[in-house]
Amino acid sequence: MVFLHIDPGWLVLMALLWYWDPLGCFYPFCAAMALHELGHLAALSLLRVPVRRMRLDLSGAVLETGATDYRRELICALAGPVANCLGLFFWDVFPLFARCCLLLGVFNLLPLPPLDGGKALRAFLLLRCNTATAFTVLTAVTWVTAAALMLWALCLTADHGLWPVAAAGLALLRLTLTMKKHL
């Protein structure tokens, strides 16, 4: 089996990001993504969780792993954003890379499945609560966060046009399509 699977959708997404890059942050963003995934891979390796495959598709990078417990899942989910925090040490030398690390780390900590924050919250709740309570809390937090994200996007339209609403709408569509799989 091939360890790395690159979906054509990933290539199209990367081409579009490269083409429409008004801030010149495509390469620093790619480096921040690589650092993020290396954080996950390092934690998985240290915790001896087997990694079957890394898949790059329209939803981002997905690591397919062997079975693990909730404690390890929590640690591995947080390892990517923690790795992005390491990128902040380069603020003086590579400020654009550091900013990309900061944004990617914060975004991934949102408690929305399938983001790392959603996975970490799920694992934490399942460590502390019964399954029914954990999923009720996770679902409520997910929808409150999604609503807050959409409200924030609506507020941005005054200065930035409709693209924030479109981006938030696409994110919410992705959320609803993948939520059952990750809850």
N, C-alpha and C. Protein backbone atom coordinates (compact mmCIF):
# COMPACT_ATOMS: atom_id res chain seq x y z
N MET A 1 0.84 -1.18 0.00
CA MET A 1 0.00 0.00 0.00
C MET A 1 0.89 1.25 0.00
N VAL A 2 0.45 2.26 -0.71
CA VAL A 2 1.17 3.53 -0.79
C VAL A 2 0.88 4.33 0.47
N PHE A 3 1.94 4.85 1.11
CA PHE A 3 1.76 5.61 2.34
C PHE A 3 1.08 6.96 2.10
N LEU A 4 1.47 7.63 1.04
CA LEU A 4 0.93 8.96 0.75
C LEU A 4 -0.01 8.88 -0.45
N HIS A 5 -1.26 9.27 -0.24
CA HIS A 5 -2.23 9.32 -1.33
C HIS A 5 -2.61 10.77 -1.56
N ILE A 6 -2.38 11.25 -2.77
CA ILE A 6 -2.71 12.62 -3.12
C ILE A 6 -3.88 12.60 -4.08
N ASP A 7 -5.01 13.12 -3.61
CA ASP A 7 -6.22 13.19 -4.41
C ASP A 7 -6.10 14.33 -5.42
N PRO A 8 -6.67 14.17 -6.62
CA PRO A 8 -6.63 15.27 -7.59
C PRO A 8 -7.24 16.57 -7.05
N GLY A 9 -8.23 16.46 -6.18
CA GLY A 9 -8.82 17.66 -5.58
C GLY A 9 -7.81 18.46 -4.78
N TRP A 10 -6.88 17.78 -4.12
CA TRP A 10 -5.82 18.45 -3.36
C TRP A 10 -4.94 19.26 -4.31
N LEU A 11 -4.60 18.67 -5.44
CA LEU A 11 -3.75 19.36 -6.41
C LEU A 11 -4.45 20.59 -6.97
N VAL A 12 -5.74 20.49 -7.25
CA VAL A 12 -6.51 21.63 -7.73
C VAL A 12 -6.55 22.73 -6.66
N LEU A 13 -6.81 22.32 -5.42
CA LEU A 13 -6.85 23.28 -4.31
C LEU A 13 -5.51 24.00 -4.16
N MET A 14 -4.42 23.26 -4.20
CA MET A 14 -3.10 23.87 -4.07
C MET A 14 -2.81 24.80 -5.25
N ALA A 15 -3.21 24.39 -6.45
CA ALA A 15 -3.00 25.25 -7.63
C ALA A 15 -3.78 26.55 -7.50
N LEU A 16 -5.01 26.46 -7.01
CA LEU A 16 -5.83 27.67 -6.83
C LEU A 16 -5.24 28.57 -5.76
N LEU A 17 -4.78 27.97 -4.65
CA LEU A 17 -4.16 28.78 -3.59
C LEU A 17 -2.89 29.46 -4.08
N TRP A 18 -2.13 28.75 -4.90
CA TRP A 18 -0.90 29.33 -5.44
C TRP A 18 -1.22 30.48 -6.40
N TYR A 19 -2.23 30.27 -7.25
CA TYR A 19 -2.58 31.28 -8.25
C TYR A 19 -3.17 32.54 -7.61
N TRP A 20 -4.07 32.36 -6.65
CA TRP A 20 -4.71 33.50 -5.98
C TRP A 20 -4.07 33.71 -4.62
N ASP A 21 -2.85 34.15 -4.63
CA ASP A 21 -2.09 34.37 -3.40
C ASP A 21 -1.65 35.83 -3.32
N PRO A 22 -2.58 36.73 -2.99
CA PRO A 22 -2.23 38.16 -3.02
C PRO A 22 -1.22 38.56 -1.94
N LEU A 23 -1.12 37.77 -0.88
CA LEU A 23 -0.21 38.14 0.21
C LEU A 23 1.17 37.50 0.07
N GLY A 24 1.34 36.63 -0.91
CA GLY A 24 2.63 35.96 -1.08
C GLY A 24 2.94 34.98 0.03
N CYS A 25 1.91 34.32 0.55
CA CYS A 25 2.13 33.42 1.69
C CYS A 25 1.93 31.94 1.34
N PHE A 26 1.89 31.60 0.05
CA PHE A 26 1.66 30.20 -0.32
C PHE A 26 2.75 29.29 0.24
N TYR A 27 4.02 29.61 -0.01
CA TYR A 27 5.10 28.74 0.44
C TYR A 27 5.25 28.72 1.97
N PRO A 28 5.16 29.86 2.66
CA PRO A 28 5.17 29.79 4.12
C PRO A 28 3.99 28.99 4.68
N PHE A 29 2.82 29.10 4.04
CA PHE A 29 1.66 28.33 4.48
C PHE A 29 1.89 26.83 4.28
N CYS A 30 2.48 26.46 3.15
CA CYS A 30 2.80 25.04 2.92
C CYS A 30 3.79 24.54 3.97
N ALA A 31 4.77 25.36 4.32
CA ALA A 31 5.73 24.97 5.35
C ALA A 31 5.04 24.83 6.70
N ALA A 32 4.10 25.72 7.00
CA ALA A 32 3.35 25.62 8.26
C ALA A 32 2.49 24.36 8.28
N MET A 33 1.89 24.01 7.13
CA MET A 33 1.10 22.77 7.05
C MET A 33 2.00 21.56 7.27
N ALA A 34 3.18 21.57 6.66
CA ALA A 34 4.10 20.44 6.82
C ALA A 34 4.52 20.30 8.29
N LEU A 35 4.84 21.42 8.93
CA LEU A 35 5.21 21.39 10.36
C LEU A 35 4.06 20.84 11.19
N HIS A 36 2.85 21.24 10.89
CA HIS A 36 1.65 20.79 11.60
C HIS A 36 1.52 19.26 11.50
N GLU A 37 1.61 18.75 10.29
CA GLU A 37 1.47 17.30 10.09
C GLU A 37 2.64 16.53 10.70
N LEU A 38 3.84 17.12 10.67
CA LEU A 38 4.98 16.48 11.32
C LEU A 38 4.77 16.38 12.83
N GLY A 39 4.08 17.37 13.40
CA GLY A 39 3.74 17.30 14.83
C GLY A 39 2.86 16.11 15.13
N HIS A 40 1.83 15.91 14.29
CA HIS A 40 0.96 14.74 14.47
C HIS A 40 1.76 13.45 14.31
N LEU A 41 2.57 13.37 13.25
CA LEU A 41 3.35 12.15 12.99
C LEU A 41 4.34 11.86 14.12
N ALA A 42 4.96 12.90 14.67
CA ALA A 42 5.90 12.70 15.78
C ALA A 42 5.19 12.14 17.01
N ALA A 43 4.02 12.71 17.34
CA ALA A 43 3.26 12.22 18.49
C ALA A 43 2.81 10.79 18.27
N LEU A 44 2.32 10.49 17.08
CA LEU A 44 1.89 9.13 16.78
C LEU A 44 3.05 8.15 16.91
N SER A 45 4.22 8.55 16.43
CA SER A 45 5.40 7.70 16.52
C SER A 45 5.82 7.49 17.98
N LEU A 46 5.87 8.58 18.75
CA LEU A 46 6.27 8.48 20.16
C LEU A 46 5.30 7.62 20.97
N LEU A 47 4.03 7.67 20.63
CA LEU A 47 3.01 6.90 21.35
C LEU A 47 2.80 5.52 20.74
N ARG A 48 3.60 5.20 19.73
CA ARG A 48 3.57 3.89 19.07
C ARG A 48 2.20 3.55 18.47
N VAL A 49 1.59 4.56 17.85
CA VAL A 49 0.34 4.37 17.13
C VAL A 49 0.70 4.20 15.65
N PRO A 50 0.36 3.07 15.06
CA PRO A 50 0.75 2.86 13.66
C PRO A 50 -0.01 3.80 12.71
N VAL A 51 0.73 4.34 11.74
CA VAL A 51 0.14 5.21 10.72
C VAL A 51 0.08 4.39 9.43
N ARG A 52 -1.13 4.17 8.96
CA ARG A 52 -1.31 3.38 7.74
C ARG A 52 -1.10 4.21 6.48
N ARG A 53 -1.62 5.44 6.51
CA ARG A 53 -1.59 6.23 5.29
C ARG A 53 -1.86 7.70 5.61
N MET A 54 -1.28 8.57 4.79
CA MET A 54 -1.59 9.99 4.83
C MET A 54 -2.29 10.31 3.52
N ARG A 55 -3.48 10.91 3.65
CA ARG A 55 -4.28 11.24 2.48
C ARG A 55 -4.42 12.76 2.40
N LEU A 56 -4.12 13.30 1.23
CA LEU A 56 -4.29 14.72 0.98
C LEU A 56 -5.45 14.86 0.00
N ASP A 57 -6.52 15.52 0.46
CA ASP A 57 -7.69 15.72 -0.40
C ASP A 57 -8.29 17.09 -0.13
N LEU A 58 -9.46 17.35 -0.66
CA LEU A 58 -10.08 18.67 -0.50
C LEU A 58 -10.32 19.04 0.95
N SER A 59 -10.47 18.05 1.82
CA SER A 59 -10.71 18.35 3.23
C SER A 59 -9.41 18.60 3.99
N GLY A 60 -8.28 18.46 3.33
CA GLY A 60 -7.00 18.69 3.99
C GLY A 60 -6.20 17.42 4.10
N ALA A 61 -5.32 17.38 5.07
CA ALA A 61 -4.49 16.20 5.31
C ALA A 61 -5.19 15.32 6.33
N VAL A 62 -5.27 14.04 6.03
CA VAL A 62 -5.92 13.08 6.92
C VAL A 62 -4.95 11.94 7.16
N LEU A 63 -4.65 11.68 8.43
CA LEU A 63 -3.80 10.56 8.80
C LEU A 63 -4.68 9.37 9.19
N GLU A 64 -4.51 8.27 8.50
CA GLU A 64 -5.25 7.06 8.83
C GLU A 64 -4.35 6.21 9.72
N THR A 65 -4.82 5.96 10.95
CA THR A 65 -4.00 5.28 11.95
C THR A 65 -4.65 3.98 12.41
N GLY A 66 -3.87 3.23 13.15
CA GLY A 66 -4.41 2.04 13.79
C GLY A 66 -5.22 2.46 15.00
N ALA A 67 -5.81 1.46 15.64
CA ALA A 67 -6.64 1.73 16.82
C ALA A 67 -5.81 2.36 17.93
N THR A 68 -6.46 3.25 18.67
CA THR A 68 -5.79 3.91 19.79
C THR A 68 -6.82 4.22 20.87
N ASP A 69 -6.34 4.57 22.05
CA ASP A 69 -7.26 4.94 23.12
C ASP A 69 -7.47 6.45 23.10
N TYR A 70 -8.42 6.91 23.93
CA TYR A 70 -8.79 8.34 23.91
C TYR A 70 -7.66 9.24 24.40
N ARG A 71 -6.85 8.78 25.33
CA ARG A 71 -5.74 9.59 25.83
C ARG A 71 -4.74 9.86 24.71
N ARG A 72 -4.38 8.81 23.99
CA ARG A 72 -3.45 8.99 22.87
C ARG A 72 -4.07 9.84 21.76
N GLU A 73 -5.35 9.65 21.52
CA GLU A 73 -6.04 10.44 20.49
C GLU A 73 -6.01 11.93 20.85
N LEU A 74 -6.22 12.23 22.12
CA LEU A 74 -6.18 13.62 22.59
C LEU A 74 -4.79 14.22 22.37
N ILE A 75 -3.77 13.49 22.76
CA ILE A 75 -2.39 13.98 22.62
C ILE A 75 -2.04 14.18 21.16
N CYS A 76 -2.38 13.21 20.33
CA CYS A 76 -2.04 13.30 18.90
C CYS A 76 -2.81 14.43 18.21
N ALA A 77 -4.05 14.65 18.60
CA ALA A 77 -4.84 15.74 18.00
C ALA A 77 -4.22 17.10 18.33
N LEU A 78 -3.71 17.26 19.54
CA LEU A 78 -3.14 18.54 19.95
C LEU A 78 -1.71 18.73 19.46
N ALA A 79 -1.06 17.66 19.01
CA ALA A 79 0.34 17.74 18.61
C ALA A 79 0.56 18.63 17.39
N GLY A 80 -0.39 18.66 16.46
CA GLY A 80 -0.25 19.52 15.28
C GLY A 80 -0.25 21.00 15.65
N PRO A 81 -1.27 21.46 16.40
CA PRO A 81 -1.25 22.87 16.82
C PRO A 81 -0.05 23.22 17.72
N VAL A 82 0.40 22.27 18.54
CA VAL A 82 1.59 22.52 19.36
C VAL A 82 2.81 22.71 18.47
N ALA A 83 2.91 21.88 17.43
CA ALA A 83 4.02 22.04 16.48
C ALA A 83 3.96 23.41 15.80
N ASN A 84 2.76 23.87 15.49
CA ASN A 84 2.63 25.21 14.91
C ASN A 84 3.11 26.28 15.86
N CYS A 85 2.94 26.07 17.16
CA CYS A 85 3.46 27.02 18.16
C CYS A 85 4.97 27.12 18.07
N LEU A 86 5.65 26.03 17.71
CA LEU A 86 7.10 26.07 17.55
C LEU A 86 7.50 27.02 16.43
N GLY A 87 6.63 27.14 15.43
CA GLY A 87 6.91 28.06 14.33
C GLY A 87 6.95 29.52 14.76
N LEU A 88 6.35 29.82 15.91
CA LEU A 88 6.36 31.20 16.40
C LEU A 88 7.75 31.65 16.81
N PHE A 89 8.66 30.70 17.08
CA PHE A 89 10.03 31.06 17.43
C PHE A 89 10.77 31.69 16.25
N PHE A 90 10.20 31.57 15.05
CA PHE A 90 10.83 32.13 13.86
C PHE A 90 10.24 33.49 13.49
N TRP A 91 9.52 34.12 14.41
CA TRP A 91 8.83 35.37 14.12
C TRP A 91 9.78 36.45 13.60
N ASP A 92 10.95 36.58 14.21
CA ASP A 92 11.88 37.63 13.80
C ASP A 92 12.56 37.33 12.47
N VAL A 93 12.79 36.05 12.19
CA VAL A 93 13.52 35.66 10.98
C VAL A 93 12.58 35.45 9.79
N PHE A 94 11.49 34.73 10.02
CA PHE A 94 10.50 34.44 8.97
C PHE A 94 9.11 34.80 9.48
N PRO A 95 8.79 36.10 9.51
CA PRO A 95 7.51 36.51 10.12
C PRO A 95 6.28 35.96 9.39
N LEU A 96 6.34 35.84 8.08
CA LEU A 96 5.19 35.32 7.35
C LEU A 96 4.93 33.85 7.69
N PHE A 97 6.00 33.08 7.79
CA PHE A 97 5.89 31.69 8.20
C PHE A 97 5.30 31.60 9.61
N ALA A 98 5.77 32.44 10.52
CA ALA A 98 5.28 32.42 11.90
C ALA A 98 3.79 32.78 11.95
N ARG A 99 3.38 33.76 11.15
CA ARG A 99 1.96 34.12 11.10
C ARG A 99 1.11 32.98 10.56
N CYS A 100 1.60 32.33 9.52
CA CYS A 100 0.88 31.17 8.96
C CYS A 100 0.76 30.06 10.01
N CYS A 101 1.83 29.83 10.76
CA CYS A 101 1.79 28.84 11.84
C CYS A 101 0.74 29.21 12.88
N LEU A 102 0.72 30.47 13.25
CA LEU A 102 -0.24 30.94 14.25
C LEU A 102 -1.67 30.74 13.76
N LEU A 103 -1.95 31.19 12.55
CA LEU A 103 -3.31 31.08 12.00
C LEU A 103 -3.73 29.62 11.84
N LEU A 104 -2.82 28.79 11.32
CA LEU A 104 -3.14 27.38 11.13
C LEU A 104 -3.37 26.68 12.46
N GLY A 105 -2.55 26.99 13.45
CA GLY A 105 -2.71 26.38 14.77
C GLY A 105 -4.01 26.78 15.44
N VAL A 106 -4.33 28.07 15.39
CA VAL A 106 -5.58 28.55 16.01
C VAL A 106 -6.79 27.99 15.28
N PHE A 107 -6.76 28.02 13.95
CA PHE A 107 -7.87 27.48 13.17
C PHE A 107 -8.11 26.01 13.50
N ASN A 108 -7.05 25.24 13.58
CA ASN A 108 -7.20 23.81 13.86
C ASN A 108 -7.65 23.52 15.28
N LEU A 109 -7.54 24.48 16.17
CA LEU A 109 -8.03 24.28 17.54
C LEU A 109 -9.52 24.58 17.70
N LEU A 110 -10.16 25.09 16.64
CA LEU A 110 -11.61 25.29 16.73
C LEU A 110 -12.27 23.95 17.03
N PRO A 111 -13.25 23.93 17.94
CA PRO A 111 -13.87 22.65 18.32
C PRO A 111 -14.90 22.19 17.29
N LEU A 112 -14.44 22.02 16.06
CA LEU A 112 -15.29 21.57 14.97
C LEU A 112 -14.72 20.29 14.38
N PRO A 113 -15.46 19.19 14.46
CA PRO A 113 -14.99 17.99 13.75
C PRO A 113 -14.99 18.29 12.26
N PRO A 114 -14.03 17.92 11.51
CA PRO A 114 -12.91 17.02 11.79
C PRO A 114 -11.61 17.73 12.14
N LEU A 115 -11.67 19.00 12.54
CA LEU A 115 -10.45 19.72 12.93
C LEU A 115 -9.88 19.12 14.21
N ASP A 116 -8.62 19.44 14.49
CA ASP A 116 -7.95 18.90 15.67
C ASP A 116 -8.65 19.27 16.96
N GLY A 117 -9.19 20.49 17.04
CA GLY A 117 -9.92 20.90 18.24
C GLY A 117 -11.14 20.04 18.48
N GLY A 118 -11.86 19.70 17.42
CA GLY A 118 -13.02 18.82 17.54
C GLY A 118 -12.62 17.41 17.97
N LYS A 119 -11.51 16.91 17.41
CA LYS A 119 -11.03 15.58 17.79
C LYS A 119 -10.55 15.57 19.25
N ALA A 120 -9.86 16.63 19.64
CA ALA A 120 -9.36 16.71 21.02
C ALA A 120 -10.51 16.82 22.01
N LEU A 121 -11.50 17.65 21.69
CA LEU A 121 -12.65 17.79 22.58
C LEU A 121 -13.40 16.47 22.70
N ARG A 122 -13.58 15.78 21.58
CA ARG A 122 -14.26 14.48 21.59
C ARG A 122 -13.51 13.49 22.49
N ALA A 123 -12.20 13.38 22.30
CA ALA A 123 -11.40 12.45 23.10
C ALA A 123 -11.44 12.82 24.58
N PHE A 124 -11.33 14.13 24.88
CA PHE A 124 -11.37 14.58 26.28
C PHE A 124 -12.71 14.24 26.93
N LEU A 125 -13.80 14.54 26.21
CA LEU A 125 -15.13 14.25 26.77
C LEU A 125 -15.35 12.76 26.97
N LEU A 126 -14.87 11.96 26.04
CA LEU A 126 -15.04 10.51 26.18
C LEU A 126 -14.17 9.94 27.31
N LEU A 127 -13.10 10.63 27.66
CA LEU A 127 -12.30 10.23 28.82
C LEU A 127 -13.02 10.57 30.13
N ARG A 128 -13.81 11.64 30.12
CA ARG A 128 -14.42 12.16 31.35
C ARG A 128 -15.89 11.84 31.54
N CYS A 129 -16.64 11.58 30.47
CA CYS A 129 -18.10 11.43 30.55
C CYS A 129 -18.53 10.12 29.90
N ASN A 130 -19.79 9.78 30.13
CA ASN A 130 -20.32 8.65 29.38
C ASN A 130 -20.52 9.08 27.93
N THR A 131 -20.70 8.12 27.05
CA THR A 131 -20.75 8.38 25.62
C THR A 131 -21.89 9.33 25.24
N ALA A 132 -23.08 9.11 25.80
CA ALA A 132 -24.23 9.95 25.44
C ALA A 132 -23.98 11.41 25.82
N THR A 133 -23.48 11.64 27.03
CA THR A 133 -23.20 13.01 27.49
C THR A 133 -22.11 13.64 26.63
N ALA A 134 -21.06 12.88 26.35
CA ALA A 134 -19.95 13.40 25.54
C ALA A 134 -20.44 13.86 24.18
N PHE A 135 -21.26 13.06 23.53
CA PHE A 135 -21.72 13.42 22.19
C PHE A 135 -22.73 14.56 22.22
N THR A 136 -23.52 14.65 23.27
CA THR A 136 -24.45 15.78 23.41
C THR A 136 -23.67 17.08 23.57
N VAL A 137 -22.67 17.07 24.43
CA VAL A 137 -21.85 18.27 24.66
C VAL A 137 -21.08 18.63 23.38
N LEU A 138 -20.48 17.64 22.75
CA LEU A 138 -19.71 17.89 21.53
C LEU A 138 -20.59 18.47 20.43
N THR A 139 -21.76 17.94 20.26
CA THR A 139 -22.68 18.45 19.24
C THR A 139 -23.08 19.89 19.53
N ALA A 140 -23.40 20.19 20.79
CA ALA A 140 -23.78 21.55 21.16
C ALA A 140 -22.63 22.53 20.94
N VAL A 141 -21.44 22.17 21.39
CA VAL A 141 -20.27 23.04 21.23
C VAL A 141 -19.97 23.26 19.74
N THR A 142 -20.10 22.20 18.97
CA THR A 142 -19.84 22.29 17.53
C THR A 142 -20.78 23.29 16.86
N TRP A 143 -22.07 23.18 17.14
CA TRP A 143 -23.03 24.07 16.48
C TRP A 143 -22.94 25.50 17.00
N VAL A 144 -22.63 25.69 18.26
CA VAL A 144 -22.45 27.05 18.78
C VAL A 144 -21.22 27.69 18.12
N THR A 145 -20.16 26.94 17.99
CA THR A 145 -18.95 27.45 17.34
C THR A 145 -19.22 27.77 15.88
N ALA A 146 -19.94 26.89 15.21
CA ALA A 146 -20.27 27.12 13.79
C ALA A 146 -21.12 28.37 13.63
N ALA A 147 -22.09 28.56 14.52
CA ALA A 147 -22.94 29.76 14.46
C ALA A 147 -22.12 31.02 14.72
N ALA A 148 -21.21 30.96 15.69
CA ALA A 148 -20.35 32.11 15.98
C ALA A 148 -19.44 32.42 14.79
N LEU A 149 -18.95 31.40 14.12
CA LEU A 149 -18.12 31.59 12.94
C LEU A 149 -18.91 32.27 11.82
N MET A 150 -20.15 31.85 11.62
CA MET A 150 -20.99 32.46 10.59
C MET A 150 -21.34 33.91 10.96
N LEU A 151 -21.61 34.17 12.22
CA LEU A 151 -21.90 35.54 12.67
C LEU A 151 -20.68 36.44 12.45
N TRP A 152 -19.50 35.93 12.78
CA TRP A 152 -18.28 36.69 12.57
C TRP A 152 -18.09 36.97 11.08
N ALA A 153 -18.37 35.98 10.24
CA ALA A 153 -18.25 36.16 8.79
C ALA A 153 -19.22 37.24 8.31
N LEU A 154 -20.43 37.25 8.84
CA LEU A 154 -21.41 38.28 8.46
C LEU A 154 -20.92 39.67 8.85
N CYS A 155 -20.28 39.77 10.00
CA CYS A 155 -19.75 41.07 10.44
C CYS A 155 -18.61 41.54 9.53
N LEU A 156 -17.85 40.62 8.98
CA LEU A 156 -16.74 40.98 8.10
C LEU A 156 -17.19 41.47 6.73
N THR A 157 -18.44 41.17 6.35
CA THR A 157 -18.89 41.54 5.01
C THR A 157 -18.92 43.05 4.79
N ALA A 158 -19.08 43.83 5.84
CA ALA A 158 -19.11 45.29 5.69
C ALA A 158 -17.81 45.81 5.10
N ASP A 159 -16.69 45.24 5.52
CA ASP A 159 -15.38 45.70 5.04
C ASP A 159 -14.80 44.87 3.91
N HIS A 160 -15.21 43.60 3.81
CA HIS A 160 -14.54 42.68 2.89
C HIS A 160 -15.44 42.05 1.84
N GLY A 161 -16.67 42.48 1.72
CA GLY A 161 -17.56 41.88 0.73
C GLY A 161 -18.14 40.56 1.22
N LEU A 162 -18.63 39.78 0.29
CA LEU A 162 -19.33 38.53 0.65
C LEU A 162 -18.41 37.32 0.80
N TRP A 163 -17.12 37.42 0.49
CA TRP A 163 -16.28 36.23 0.55
C TRP A 163 -16.23 35.60 1.93
N PRO A 164 -16.24 36.36 3.06
CA PRO A 164 -16.22 35.67 4.36
C PRO A 164 -17.46 34.79 4.57
N VAL A 165 -18.62 35.25 4.11
CA VAL A 165 -19.84 34.44 4.25
C VAL A 165 -19.74 33.20 3.38
N ALA A 166 -19.22 33.37 2.17
CA ALA A 166 -19.05 32.21 1.29
C ALA A 166 -18.08 31.21 1.90
N ALA A 167 -16.97 31.70 2.46
CA ALA A 167 -15.99 30.80 3.07
C ALA A 167 -16.59 30.09 4.29
N ALA A 168 -17.30 30.84 5.12
CA ALA A 168 -17.93 30.22 6.30
C ALA A 168 -19.02 29.24 5.87
N GLY A 169 -19.77 29.59 4.82
CA GLY A 169 -20.80 28.68 4.31
C GLY A 169 -20.21 27.38 3.82
N LEU A 170 -19.09 27.47 3.09
CA LEU A 170 -18.42 26.25 2.62
C LEU A 170 -17.90 25.43 3.80
N ALA A 171 -17.36 26.11 4.81
CA ALA A 171 -16.88 25.40 6.00
C ALA A 171 -18.03 24.70 6.72
N LEU A 172 -19.17 25.36 6.83
CA LEU A 172 -20.33 24.74 7.48
C LEU A 172 -20.88 23.59 6.66
N LEU A 173 -20.86 23.71 5.34
CA LEU A 173 -21.28 22.61 4.48
C LEU A 173 -20.38 21.40 4.69
N ARG A 174 -19.08 21.66 4.72
CA ARG A 174 -18.13 20.58 4.98
C ARG A 174 -18.38 19.95 6.35
N LEU A 175 -18.66 20.80 7.32
CA LEU A 175 -18.94 20.33 8.68
C LEU A 175 -20.14 19.40 8.70
N THR A 176 -21.23 19.81 8.05
CA THR A 176 -22.42 18.98 8.08
C THR A 176 -22.22 17.68 7.33
N LEU A 177 -21.40 17.71 6.29
CA LEU A 177 -21.16 16.48 5.52
C LEU A 177 -20.26 15.49 6.26
N THR A 178 -19.38 16.00 7.11
CA THR A 178 -18.44 15.11 7.80
C THR A 178 -18.74 14.91 9.27
N MET A 179 -19.72 15.63 9.80
CA MET A 179 -19.95 15.60 11.25
C MET A 179 -20.31 14.21 11.76
N LYS A 180 -21.21 13.50 11.12
CA LYS A 180 -21.62 12.18 11.60
C LYS A 180 -20.45 11.21 11.62
N LYS A 181 -19.54 11.36 10.64
CA LYS A 181 -18.40 10.47 10.58
C LYS A 181 -17.44 10.69 11.76
N HIS A 182 -17.38 11.93 12.26
CA HIS A 182 -16.41 12.27 13.29
C HIS A 182 -17.01 12.35 14.69
N LEU A 183 -18.32 12.34 14.82
CA LEU A 183 -18.93 12.39 16.14
C LEU A 183 -19.02 11.01 16.75
